[in-house]
Amino acid sequence: MKQSLSLKLGQQLTMTPQLQQAIRLLQLSTLDLQQEIQQAVESNPMLELEDEFGDPPAPAADAATAGTASGSDDFDEPAYPASDDPQTLDDSRDTSIPEELPIDTHWDDIFQDGAGSGGTGSGDDDRDLDQRNSSESSLHDHLRAQLNLCRLSDIDRLIGEAIIDSIDDDGLLACSIEEICASVNAEQDAGADPSADPADGPEPIEPDEVVAVLKRIQQFEPAGVGARDLAECLLLQLHQLPDDTPWLGAAQTLVREHLGLLGDRDFAGLGRRLKLPEDALAEVVRLIQRLNPRPGGAIASEAAEYIVPDVFVTRRNGRWHVELNADATPRLRINETYAALIRRADNSSDNVYLKDNLQEARWFLKSLQSRNETLLKVATRIVERQRGFLEYGPEAMKPLVLADIAEAVSMHESTISRVTNRKYMHTPRGIFELKYFFSSHVSTQAGGEVSSTAIRAIIRKLTAEENPRKPLSDHKIAAILAEQNIVVARRTVAKYRESLAIPPSNERKRLV
């Protein structure tokens, strides 16, 4: 093989570490970004949180170039939110401690200063809000606590534990009586002494014993827990109602014998079998609808997750204002004390370490600023395009795709996709993910375009205002949309209806 040299001209895209960091920060959610900032502060001595030292936040950067809504008279230029003044402590409270305290006095009842109780006295309600609303125990823990209050033998308690373990999150029994019986027998055999005579071992558990303990657990709270099917769950709840409850007997008969007809919405057949007029049958159905088919849902098994908006949209003096949430991310700055230790001509390892960390800190702050500016630009353009939604609701939503915003802010579609992913906007109509404002379009007979989100809103409105005795079918909804110059197929209506979790017309039929 002959060796030779050749020149080749080409282009290659190389992503610098700074660009990679900026892209990674851009696609992080608020929670992930807070964790990233905390890790950066812990690993880089040149970074510090402004709030750690009680200093007032640095002035917000001028965002006049971060995205403006030109050509609009009722849309304000976006701006970063102004920094709040540092909070002052109220020293007027009496923090003295009496020399002698009553016997049953708690420390927090006497001394409620911020340093003594973990917060100011006026903020106790806010501080304990999450503790009161958080889930302290799961459904299984709740049932075991009630089981421990019952006087049971060791065998019955073992059966009760097995039954509770077989109850799912909805509160229904997920295993059969035979499976529970086999599980308890296997657990007894595993705990027996291998050297003992099998004849002297524990007697096998019979299904009747499991049913007896199950009946005991079915009296626990929440009502209906431990039921083997839907009918038993509803009957357990009906049995716990007072005997003088109107239409209680008819409701028990319906659930016990004709629950299938109620599921099929065959109200005429129910009326004939129960020998009830329509108004009385409506009362019976209303009583059953007040029951909970998933009693386990009353005991929350997971703590509530709260969404922190990244952008606030408000209307003041007839203008829409777009602001970043200043409280969503901690404020960072360069540690001036460590930065002053750097010497230009010093090449020692300590000085090089400080120089490298200072450069990384500046890159990190620049990436954060770029993220905020990009997020503000995109949010501003979204609000400018979807002003009709903010003023009139989802039915006024306009078709919008990533390419429209990318062209407006002179960025690539992939960048817009990263910005809108897991970012939330707080508006007067609620909190929405930025991706909510993007939707495909459907052409109208007049040559215009309608957003698929607007069509879903119209379908939701039509089904909410329909006659419950004669619900609108998908074909009828498509015909109503056609009268509004919106041509969609029946299958499209069915797809949109299912995405809204709206059942079909035969399941929406009601007497009242």
Protein backbone atom coordinates (compact mmCIF):
# COMPACT_ATOMS: atom_id res chain seq x y z
CA MET A 1 0.00 0.00 0.00
CA LYS A 2 1.31 3.39 -0.97
CA GLN A 3 1.22 6.13 1.65
CA SER A 4 0.25 9.69 0.69
CA LEU A 5 -0.84 13.00 2.21
CA SER A 6 -4.05 14.80 1.29
CA LEU A 7 -5.94 17.91 2.36
CA LYS A 8 -9.68 17.86 3.01
CA LEU A 9 -11.94 20.85 3.67
CA GLY A 10 -15.06 20.31 5.82
CA GLN A 11 -17.22 21.64 8.61
CA GLN A 12 -17.66 20.06 12.00
CA LEU A 13 -19.76 21.14 14.95
CA THR A 14 -17.92 20.86 18.25
CA MET A 15 -19.78 21.48 21.48
CA THR A 16 -17.65 23.17 24.08
CA PRO A 17 -18.10 22.26 27.76
CA GLN A 18 -19.71 25.66 28.29
CA LEU A 19 -22.29 25.01 25.57
CA GLN A 20 -23.00 21.54 26.93
CA GLN A 21 -23.56 23.00 30.39
CA ALA A 22 -25.90 25.69 29.05
CA ILE A 23 -27.98 23.12 27.16
CA ARG A 24 -28.16 20.84 30.19
CA LEU A 25 -29.33 23.65 32.47
CA LEU A 26 -31.86 24.75 29.89
CA GLN A 27 -33.78 21.49 29.96
CA LEU A 28 -33.79 21.06 33.76
CA SER A 29 -37.00 21.55 35.70
CA THR A 30 -37.12 23.96 38.64
CA LEU A 31 -36.55 21.21 41.20
CA ASP A 32 -33.66 19.69 39.25
CA LEU A 33 -32.14 23.15 38.76
CA GLN A 34 -32.25 23.82 42.50
CA GLN A 35 -30.40 20.57 43.12
CA GLU A 36 -27.87 21.44 40.41
CA ILE A 37 -27.25 24.84 41.99
CA GLN A 38 -26.82 23.27 45.42
CA GLN A 39 -24.27 20.80 44.07
CA ALA A 40 -22.40 23.61 42.31
CA VAL A 41 -22.24 25.65 45.53
CA GLU A 42 -20.97 22.65 47.50
CA SER A 43 -18.29 21.75 44.95
CA ASN A 44 -17.09 25.22 43.93
CA PRO A 45 -15.82 27.55 46.70
CA MET A 46 -16.13 30.54 44.38
CA LEU A 47 -19.92 30.29 44.36
CA GLU A 48 -22.08 31.35 47.26
CA LEU A 49 -25.77 31.92 47.90
CA GLU A 50 -26.68 35.53 48.51
CA ASP A 51 -29.30 34.62 51.10
CA GLU A 52 -26.75 32.77 53.22
CA PHE A 53 -25.22 36.02 54.45
CA GLY A 54 -28.37 38.08 54.74
CA ASP A 55 -27.21 40.54 52.07
CA PRO A 56 -29.79 42.16 49.83
CA PRO A 57 -30.10 40.48 46.44
CA ALA A 58 -28.21 41.98 43.55
CA PRO A 59 -30.21 44.23 41.21
CA ALA A 60 -32.04 42.34 38.52
CA ALA A 61 -30.47 42.38 35.10
CA ASP A 62 -31.93 44.57 32.40
CA ALA A 63 -34.12 42.32 30.30
CA ALA A 64 -35.27 44.82 27.72
CA THR A 65 -33.46 42.78 25.10
CA ALA A 66 -34.69 39.45 26.47
CA GLY A 67 -37.74 39.45 24.27
CA THR A 68 -40.29 42.15 23.50
CA ALA A 69 -43.74 42.13 22.00
CA SER A 70 -43.39 44.66 19.24
CA GLY A 71 -46.42 45.96 17.46
CA SER A 72 -48.78 45.43 20.40
CA ASP A 73 -50.32 48.26 22.37
CA ASP A 74 -51.64 46.19 25.26
CA PHE A 75 -48.61 43.98 25.90
CA ASP A 76 -45.82 45.15 28.19
CA GLU A 77 -42.16 44.46 27.63
CA PRO A 78 -41.00 41.54 29.77
CA ALA A 79 -38.76 42.20 32.70
CA TYR A 80 -37.07 40.19 35.36
CA PRO A 81 -38.90 40.49 38.68
CA ALA A 82 -37.53 43.16 40.93
CA SER A 83 -35.72 42.03 44.04
CA ASP A 84 -37.66 42.16 47.26
CA ASP A 85 -36.42 44.19 50.16
CA PRO A 86 -34.73 42.18 52.89
CA GLN A 87 -37.19 41.18 55.56
CA THR A 88 -36.75 42.78 58.94
CA LEU A 89 -37.16 40.96 62.20
CA ASP A 90 -39.86 41.97 64.61
CA ASP A 91 -38.07 42.62 67.91
CA SER A 92 -41.21 43.80 69.69
CA ARG A 93 -42.09 40.30 70.88
CA ASP A 94 -41.55 39.30 74.47
CA THR A 95 -38.93 36.55 74.40
CA SER A 96 -38.37 36.37 78.13
CA ILE A 97 -38.84 33.01 79.85
CA PRO A 98 -40.59 32.79 83.23
CA GLU A 99 -38.52 31.43 86.07
CA GLU A 100 -41.22 28.93 87.07
CA LEU A 101 -43.22 26.96 84.52
CA PRO A 102 -46.43 24.96 85.03
CA ILE A 103 -46.01 21.20 85.17
CA ASP A 104 -47.66 20.39 81.81
CA THR A 105 -46.21 23.36 79.92
CA HIS A 106 -44.46 22.66 76.61
CA TRP A 107 -41.36 24.56 75.56
CA ASP A 108 -42.98 25.86 72.37
CA ASP A 109 -45.89 27.31 74.39
CA ILE A 110 -43.50 29.56 76.33
CA PHE A 111 -40.67 30.37 73.94
CA GLN A 112 -41.70 30.84 70.31
CA ASP A 113 -38.77 32.78 68.98
CA GLY A 114 -37.36 31.88 65.60
CA ALA A 115 -34.21 30.38 67.11
CA GLY A 116 -36.09 28.38 69.71
CA SER A 117 -38.91 26.87 67.69
CA GLY A 118 -37.55 26.81 64.18
CA GLY A 119 -39.58 29.77 62.93
CA THR A 120 -41.43 32.89 63.93
CA GLY A 121 -44.60 32.60 65.91
CA SER A 122 -46.66 34.17 63.17
CA GLY A 123 -45.44 31.61 60.66
CA ASP A 124 -46.30 28.49 62.62
CA ASP A 125 -49.37 27.79 60.47
CA ASP A 126 -47.38 28.06 57.25
CA ARG A 127 -44.52 26.00 58.67
CA ASP A 128 -46.79 23.13 59.75
CA LEU A 129 -49.03 23.18 56.66
CA ASP A 130 -47.09 20.47 54.85
CA GLN A 131 -46.86 18.39 58.03
CA ARG A 132 -50.64 18.49 58.51
CA ASN A 133 -51.38 17.72 54.87
CA SER A 134 -48.65 15.14 54.36
CA SER A 135 -49.43 11.46 54.47
CA GLU A 136 -48.44 10.14 57.90
CA SER A 137 -49.36 6.51 57.19
CA SER A 138 -50.45 4.33 54.32
CA LEU A 139 -53.70 2.41 54.07
CA HIS A 140 -52.04 -0.77 55.35
CA ASP A 141 -50.61 1.05 58.38
CA HIS A 142 -54.04 2.52 59.07
CA LEU A 143 -55.63 -0.94 59.00
CA ARG A 144 -52.89 -2.53 61.12
CA ALA A 145 -53.39 0.14 63.76
CA GLN A 146 -57.07 -0.82 63.99
CA LEU A 147 -56.18 -4.52 63.99
CA ASN A 148 -53.91 -4.00 67.01
CA LEU A 149 -56.87 -2.60 68.94
CA CYS A 150 -58.87 -5.81 68.46
CA ARG A 151 -58.75 -8.72 70.88
CA LEU A 152 -57.67 -11.60 68.66
CA SER A 153 -55.85 -14.85 69.10
CA ASP A 154 -52.39 -15.29 67.65
CA ILE A 155 -53.78 -17.30 64.73
CA ASP A 156 -56.50 -14.75 63.98
CA ARG A 157 -53.97 -11.93 64.18
CA LEU A 158 -51.75 -13.78 61.71
CA ILE A 159 -54.73 -14.19 59.40
CA GLY A 160 -55.58 -10.51 59.79
CA GLU A 161 -52.05 -9.49 58.81
CA ALA A 162 -52.27 -11.69 55.70
CA ILE A 163 -55.64 -10.17 54.76
CA ILE A 164 -54.36 -6.61 55.18
CA ASP A 165 -51.33 -7.41 53.02
CA SER A 166 -53.73 -8.64 50.31
CA ILE A 167 -55.71 -5.36 50.18
CA ASP A 168 -54.76 -3.08 47.29
CA ASP A 169 -54.51 0.71 47.30
CA ASP A 170 -58.20 1.02 46.37
CA GLY A 171 -59.16 -0.82 49.54
CA LEU A 172 -60.40 -3.98 47.80
CA LEU A 173 -59.21 -7.53 48.47
CA ALA A 174 -56.84 -8.51 45.68
CA CYS A 175 -56.50 -12.22 46.61
CA SER A 176 -59.02 -15.00 47.00
CA ILE A 177 -59.86 -16.63 50.34
CA GLU A 178 -58.11 -19.80 49.22
CA GLU A 179 -54.89 -17.94 48.38
CA ILE A 180 -54.87 -16.19 51.76
CA CYS A 181 -55.53 -19.52 53.50
CA ALA A 182 -52.63 -21.15 51.66
CA SER A 183 -50.35 -18.21 52.47
CA VAL A 184 -51.09 -18.41 56.21
CA ASN A 185 -50.57 -22.21 56.27
CA ALA A 186 -47.25 -21.83 54.46
CA GLU A 187 -46.13 -19.18 56.94
CA GLN A 188 -47.07 -21.44 59.85
CA ASP A 189 -45.14 -24.37 58.35
CA ALA A 190 -42.09 -22.16 57.79
CA GLY A 191 -42.09 -21.09 61.44
CA ALA A 192 -42.52 -24.60 62.86
CA ASP A 193 -39.67 -26.54 64.42
CA PRO A 194 -38.23 -28.95 61.80
CA SER A 195 -37.25 -31.52 64.46
CA ALA A 196 -40.75 -31.64 65.99
CA ASP A 197 -43.31 -34.31 65.18
CA PRO A 198 -45.58 -33.11 62.30
CA ALA A 199 -48.58 -34.41 64.22
CA ASP A 200 -47.81 -31.95 67.03
CA GLY A 201 -47.63 -28.97 64.64
CA PRO A 202 -50.30 -26.28 64.18
CA GLU A 203 -53.54 -27.29 62.56
CA PRO A 204 -54.16 -26.03 59.02
CA ILE A 205 -56.24 -22.88 58.66
CA GLU A 206 -59.66 -23.39 57.12
CA PRO A 207 -61.28 -20.89 54.72
CA ASP A 208 -64.09 -20.30 57.23
CA GLU A 209 -61.57 -18.90 59.68
CA VAL A 210 -60.23 -16.49 57.06
CA VAL A 211 -63.76 -15.34 56.21
CA ALA A 212 -64.51 -14.74 59.91
CA VAL A 213 -61.45 -12.48 60.30
CA LEU A 214 -62.26 -10.77 56.99
CA LYS A 215 -65.72 -9.88 58.29
CA ARG A 216 -64.03 -8.25 61.27
CA ILE A 217 -61.69 -6.22 59.07
CA GLN A 218 -64.58 -5.12 56.87
CA GLN A 219 -65.90 -3.18 59.86
CA PHE A 220 -62.75 -1.04 59.91
CA GLU A 221 -62.44 2.45 58.56
CA PRO A 222 -62.69 3.55 55.80
CA ALA A 223 -66.12 2.05 55.16
CA GLY A 224 -66.10 -0.61 52.46
CA VAL A 225 -62.48 -1.67 52.93
CA GLY A 226 -61.68 -5.37 52.44
CA ALA A 227 -64.52 -6.01 50.00
CA ARG A 228 -64.04 -8.77 47.45
CA ASP A 229 -65.93 -7.00 44.65
CA LEU A 230 -67.73 -3.74 43.91
CA ALA A 231 -71.13 -4.96 45.05
CA GLU A 232 -69.81 -6.05 48.45
CA CYS A 233 -67.94 -2.73 48.80
CA LEU A 234 -71.13 -0.73 48.23
CA LEU A 235 -73.18 -3.00 50.50
CA LEU A 236 -70.69 -2.58 53.33
CA GLN A 237 -71.05 1.17 53.07
CA LEU A 238 -74.84 0.95 52.92
CA HIS A 239 -74.91 -1.27 56.02
CA GLN A 240 -73.07 1.42 57.98
CA LEU A 241 -75.71 4.06 57.18
CA PRO A 242 -78.44 4.76 59.74
CA ASP A 243 -81.50 2.55 59.47
CA ASP A 244 -83.76 5.55 58.87
CA THR A 245 -81.87 6.60 55.73
CA PRO A 246 -84.42 7.17 52.93
CA TRP A 247 -84.49 4.46 50.25
CA LEU A 248 -81.83 2.40 52.05
CA GLY A 249 -83.59 -0.94 51.48
CA ALA A 250 -84.17 -0.29 47.78
CA ALA A 251 -80.52 0.73 47.36
CA GLN A 252 -79.35 -2.50 49.02
CA THR A 253 -81.61 -4.56 46.77
CA LEU A 254 -80.36 -2.75 43.67
CA VAL A 255 -76.68 -3.26 44.57
CA ARG A 256 -77.20 -6.89 45.60
CA GLU A 257 -79.29 -8.04 42.63
CA HIS A 258 -79.29 -5.48 39.79
CA LEU A 259 -75.90 -3.73 39.83
CA GLY A 260 -75.25 -4.83 36.24
CA LEU A 261 -78.34 -3.00 35.02
CA LEU A 262 -77.17 0.17 36.78
CA GLY A 263 -73.81 -0.14 35.04
CA ASP A 264 -75.59 -0.44 31.70
CA ARG A 265 -77.75 2.62 32.49
CA ASP A 266 -80.87 0.51 31.95
CA PHE A 267 -83.10 2.67 34.13
CA ALA A 268 -86.28 1.38 32.55
CA GLY A 269 -85.36 -2.21 33.47
CA LEU A 270 -84.36 -1.14 36.98
CA GLY A 271 -87.69 0.60 37.48
CA ARG A 272 -89.61 -2.52 36.44
CA ARG A 273 -87.61 -4.89 38.65
CA LEU A 274 -87.66 -2.65 41.71
CA LYS A 275 -91.26 -1.56 41.01
CA LEU A 276 -90.35 2.07 41.60
CA PRO A 277 -91.44 5.20 39.71
CA GLU A 278 -88.82 7.25 37.96
CA ASP A 279 -88.52 9.93 40.65
CA ALA A 280 -88.06 7.30 43.40
CA LEU A 281 -85.51 5.42 41.30
CA ALA A 282 -83.60 8.68 40.87
CA GLU A 283 -83.37 9.02 44.66
CA VAL A 284 -82.08 5.46 44.99
CA VAL A 285 -79.44 6.03 42.31
CA ARG A 286 -78.44 9.31 43.94
CA LEU A 287 -77.90 7.50 47.25
CA ILE A 288 -75.66 4.91 45.58
CA GLN A 289 -73.69 7.60 43.76
CA ARG A 290 -72.74 9.11 47.11
CA LEU A 291 -70.83 5.92 47.99
CA ASN A 292 -67.11 5.49 47.33
CA PRO A 293 -66.21 2.56 45.03
CA ARG A 294 -62.54 2.99 46.00
CA PRO A 295 -62.54 3.45 49.78
CA GLY A 296 -58.77 3.10 50.01
CA GLY A 297 -58.37 6.38 48.17
CA ALA A 298 -59.56 8.19 51.31
CA ILE A 299 -56.24 7.27 52.96
CA ALA A 300 -53.56 8.98 50.91
CA SER A 301 -50.49 6.81 50.41
CA GLU A 302 -48.31 9.49 48.84
CA ALA A 303 -47.55 13.06 49.81
CA ALA A 304 -48.96 15.79 47.62
CA GLU A 305 -46.59 17.22 45.02
CA TYR A 306 -46.76 20.94 44.41
CA ILE A 307 -45.86 22.66 41.15
CA VAL A 308 -43.60 25.70 41.37
CA PRO A 309 -44.28 28.00 38.38
CA ASP A 310 -41.29 29.30 36.46
CA VAL A 311 -43.12 32.27 34.92
CA PHE A 312 -45.85 34.58 36.20
CA VAL A 313 -48.30 36.20 33.79
CA THR A 314 -50.46 39.00 35.18
CA ARG A 315 -52.68 41.69 33.72
CA ARG A 316 -52.20 45.19 35.09
CA ASN A 317 -53.70 48.36 33.66
CA GLY A 318 -54.84 46.51 30.54
CA ARG A 319 -51.38 45.12 29.79
CA TRP A 320 -50.04 41.58 30.09
CA HIS A 321 -46.85 41.36 32.15
CA VAL A 322 -44.49 38.39 31.91
CA GLU A 323 -42.04 37.89 34.78
CA LEU A 324 -39.76 35.12 35.93
CA ASN A 325 -40.37 33.61 39.33
CA ALA A 326 -37.50 35.03 41.36
CA ASP A 327 -38.18 32.64 44.24
CA ALA A 328 -37.96 29.52 42.09
CA THR A 329 -34.15 29.35 42.09
CA PRO A 330 -31.58 30.52 44.65
CA ARG A 331 -29.55 33.64 43.87
CA LEU A 332 -25.84 33.03 43.26
CA ARG A 333 -22.82 35.28 43.20
CA ILE A 334 -19.03 35.12 43.15
CA ASN A 335 -17.36 34.94 46.54
CA GLU A 336 -15.33 38.16 46.49
CA THR A 337 -13.18 37.08 49.42
CA TYR A 338 -11.83 34.03 47.61
CA ALA A 339 -11.65 35.87 44.29
CA ALA A 340 -9.37 38.50 45.87
CA LEU A 341 -6.87 35.79 46.82
CA ILE A 342 -6.03 35.06 43.18
CA ARG A 343 -2.67 36.41 42.04
CA ARG A 344 -1.95 36.90 38.35
CA ALA A 345 1.65 35.77 38.09
CA ASP A 346 1.35 32.93 40.59
CA ASN A 347 1.36 29.43 39.08
CA SER A 348 1.17 27.52 42.33
CA SER A 349 -1.31 24.69 42.66
CA ASP A 350 -3.50 26.66 45.08
CA ASN A 351 -3.64 29.66 42.80
CA VAL A 352 -4.41 27.50 39.74
CA TYR A 353 -7.18 25.78 41.72
CA LEU A 354 -8.75 29.15 42.56
CA LYS A 355 -8.42 30.35 38.95
CA ASP A 356 -10.11 27.24 37.55
CA ASN A 357 -12.97 27.42 40.02
CA LEU A 358 -13.46 31.12 39.34
CA GLN A 359 -13.72 30.45 35.61
CA GLU A 360 -16.18 27.59 36.18
CA ALA A 361 -18.24 29.81 38.49
CA ARG A 362 -18.44 32.52 35.83
CA TRP A 363 -19.48 29.97 33.21
CA PHE A 364 -22.15 28.61 35.53
CA LEU A 365 -23.57 32.07 36.26
CA LYS A 366 -23.54 32.90 32.56
CA SER A 367 -25.38 29.66 31.76
CA LEU A 368 -28.01 30.47 34.38
CA GLN A 369 -28.48 33.96 32.95
CA SER A 370 -28.79 32.52 29.44
CA ARG A 371 -31.39 30.05 30.68
CA ASN A 372 -33.46 32.80 32.29
CA GLU A 373 -33.28 35.03 29.22
CA THR A 374 -34.28 32.19 26.88
CA LEU A 375 -37.15 31.12 29.14
CA LEU A 376 -38.41 34.70 29.33
CA LYS A 377 -38.21 35.13 25.55
CA VAL A 378 -40.16 31.96 24.87
CA ALA A 379 -42.79 32.69 27.54
CA THR A 380 -43.26 36.20 26.18
CA ARG A 381 -43.87 35.00 22.65
CA ILE A 382 -46.27 32.32 23.88
CA VAL A 383 -48.32 34.88 25.79
CA GLU A 384 -48.29 37.18 22.81
CA ARG A 385 -49.63 34.43 20.51
CA GLN A 386 -52.12 32.98 23.02
CA ARG A 387 -53.55 36.24 24.36
CA GLY A 388 -57.01 35.03 23.36
CA PHE A 389 -56.70 32.07 25.70
CA LEU A 390 -55.77 34.34 28.61
CA GLU A 391 -58.72 36.63 27.96
CA TYR A 392 -61.46 34.25 26.80
CA GLY A 393 -60.46 30.71 27.79
CA PRO A 394 -59.41 27.47 26.05
CA GLU A 395 -61.96 27.87 23.26
CA ALA A 396 -59.93 30.84 22.00
CA MET A 397 -56.65 28.89 21.87
CA LYS A 398 -54.82 29.38 18.57
CA PRO A 399 -52.83 26.74 16.68
CA LEU A 400 -49.17 26.94 17.64
CA VAL A 401 -46.17 24.74 16.93
CA LEU A 402 -42.57 24.86 18.08
CA ALA A 403 -41.43 26.22 14.72
CA ASP A 404 -43.55 29.36 15.18
CA ILE A 405 -41.87 30.29 18.46
CA ALA A 406 -38.45 29.22 17.17
CA GLU A 407 -38.81 31.62 14.26
CA ALA A 408 -40.03 34.43 16.50
CA VAL A 409 -37.06 34.20 18.89
CA SER A 410 -34.49 33.16 16.24
CA MET A 411 -33.67 29.83 17.87
CA HIS A 412 -33.76 26.19 16.88
CA GLU A 413 -36.84 24.05 17.51
CA SER A 414 -34.82 21.72 19.74
CA THR A 415 -34.01 24.66 22.00
CA ILE A 416 -37.69 25.60 22.25
CA SER A 417 -38.52 22.00 23.06
CA ARG A 418 -36.00 21.99 25.91
CA VAL A 419 -37.29 25.30 27.27
CA THR A 420 -40.95 24.24 27.28
CA ASN A 421 -40.35 20.82 28.81
CA ARG A 422 -41.31 20.66 32.52
CA LYS A 423 -41.60 24.45 32.76
CA TYR A 424 -44.81 25.94 34.12
CA MET A 425 -46.60 29.26 33.67
CA HIS A 426 -48.87 30.80 36.30
CA THR A 427 -51.75 32.64 34.64
CA PRO A 428 -55.06 34.08 35.86
CA ARG A 429 -56.66 30.89 34.48
CA GLY A 430 -54.40 28.50 36.38
CA ILE A 431 -50.97 26.90 36.13
CA PHE A 432 -50.10 25.27 32.81
CA GLU A 433 -47.04 23.61 31.36
CA LEU A 434 -45.58 25.61 28.51
CA LYS A 435 -46.20 22.68 26.17
CA TYR A 436 -49.94 23.05 26.86
CA PHE A 437 -50.01 26.13 24.63
CA PHE A 438 -48.76 24.17 21.61
CA SER A 439 -51.27 22.21 19.56
CA SER A 440 -51.98 21.11 16.02
CA HIS A 441 -54.60 22.76 13.86
CA VAL A 442 -57.76 21.71 12.05
CA SER A 443 -58.87 23.54 8.92
CA THR A 444 -62.29 25.16 8.80
CA GLN A 445 -64.70 25.48 5.89
CA ALA A 446 -63.98 29.21 5.76
CA GLY A 447 -60.30 28.55 5.14
CA GLY A 448 -59.13 29.30 8.68
CA GLU A 449 -57.54 27.13 11.32
CA VAL A 450 -58.73 25.98 14.74
CA SER A 451 -56.52 24.62 17.49
CA SER A 452 -57.09 21.05 18.62
CA THR A 453 -57.05 22.37 22.20
CA ALA A 454 -59.94 24.68 21.33
CA ILE A 455 -61.86 21.75 19.84
CA ARG A 456 -61.34 19.75 23.03
CA ALA A 457 -62.63 22.71 25.04
CA ILE A 458 -65.75 22.88 22.85
CA ILE A 459 -66.34 19.13 23.27
CA ARG A 460 -66.00 19.46 27.04
CA LYS A 461 -68.47 22.35 27.06
CA LEU A 462 -70.98 20.49 24.89
CA THR A 463 -70.91 17.38 27.09
CA ALA A 464 -71.19 19.48 30.26
CA GLU A 465 -74.30 21.27 28.98
CA GLU A 466 -75.99 18.25 27.36
CA ASN A 467 -79.26 16.73 28.49
CA PRO A 468 -78.27 13.89 30.87
CA ARG A 469 -81.27 11.85 29.74
CA LYS A 470 -80.14 12.03 26.09
CA PRO A 471 -76.36 12.51 25.95
CA LEU A 472 -74.74 13.66 22.74
CA SER A 473 -73.19 10.93 20.62
CA ASP A 474 -69.84 11.41 18.87
CA HIS A 475 -71.67 11.72 15.54
CA LYS A 476 -73.93 14.45 16.95
CA ILE A 477 -70.95 16.34 18.38
CA ALA A 478 -69.24 16.19 14.98
CA ALA A 479 -72.41 17.59 13.40
CA ILE A 480 -72.52 20.47 15.91
CA LEU A 481 -68.88 21.27 15.18
CA ALA A 482 -69.63 21.24 11.46
CA GLU A 483 -72.30 23.88 12.06
CA GLN A 484 -69.50 26.04 13.49
CA ASN A 485 -67.42 25.48 10.30
CA ILE A 486 -65.15 23.00 12.13
CA VAL A 487 -65.00 19.82 10.06
CA VAL A 488 -63.77 16.82 12.07
CA ALA A 489 -64.52 13.14 11.67
CA ARG A 490 -66.45 11.15 14.24
CA ARG A 491 -63.31 9.14 15.04
CA THR A 492 -61.46 12.38 15.75
CA VAL A 493 -64.22 13.46 18.12
CA ALA A 494 -63.98 10.09 19.88
CA LYS A 495 -60.19 10.45 20.20
CA TYR A 496 -60.48 13.96 21.67
CA ARG A 497 -63.27 12.84 24.02
CA GLU A 498 -61.20 9.92 25.31
CA SER A 499 -58.21 12.21 25.87
CA LEU A 500 -60.48 14.33 28.10
CA ALA A 501 -61.53 11.21 30.08
CA ILE A 502 -65.16 11.74 29.03
CA PRO A 503 -67.05 8.43 28.83
CA PRO A 504 -69.17 7.56 25.75
CA SER A 505 -72.79 8.62 25.52
CA ASN A 506 -74.25 5.34 26.82
CA GLU A 507 -72.21 5.71 30.03
CA ARG A 508 -73.12 9.37 30.50
CA LYS A 509 -76.84 8.71 30.59
CA ARG A 510 -78.39 9.71 33.91
CA LEU A 511 -81.83 10.16 35.40
CA VAL A 512 -80.95 13.44 37.07
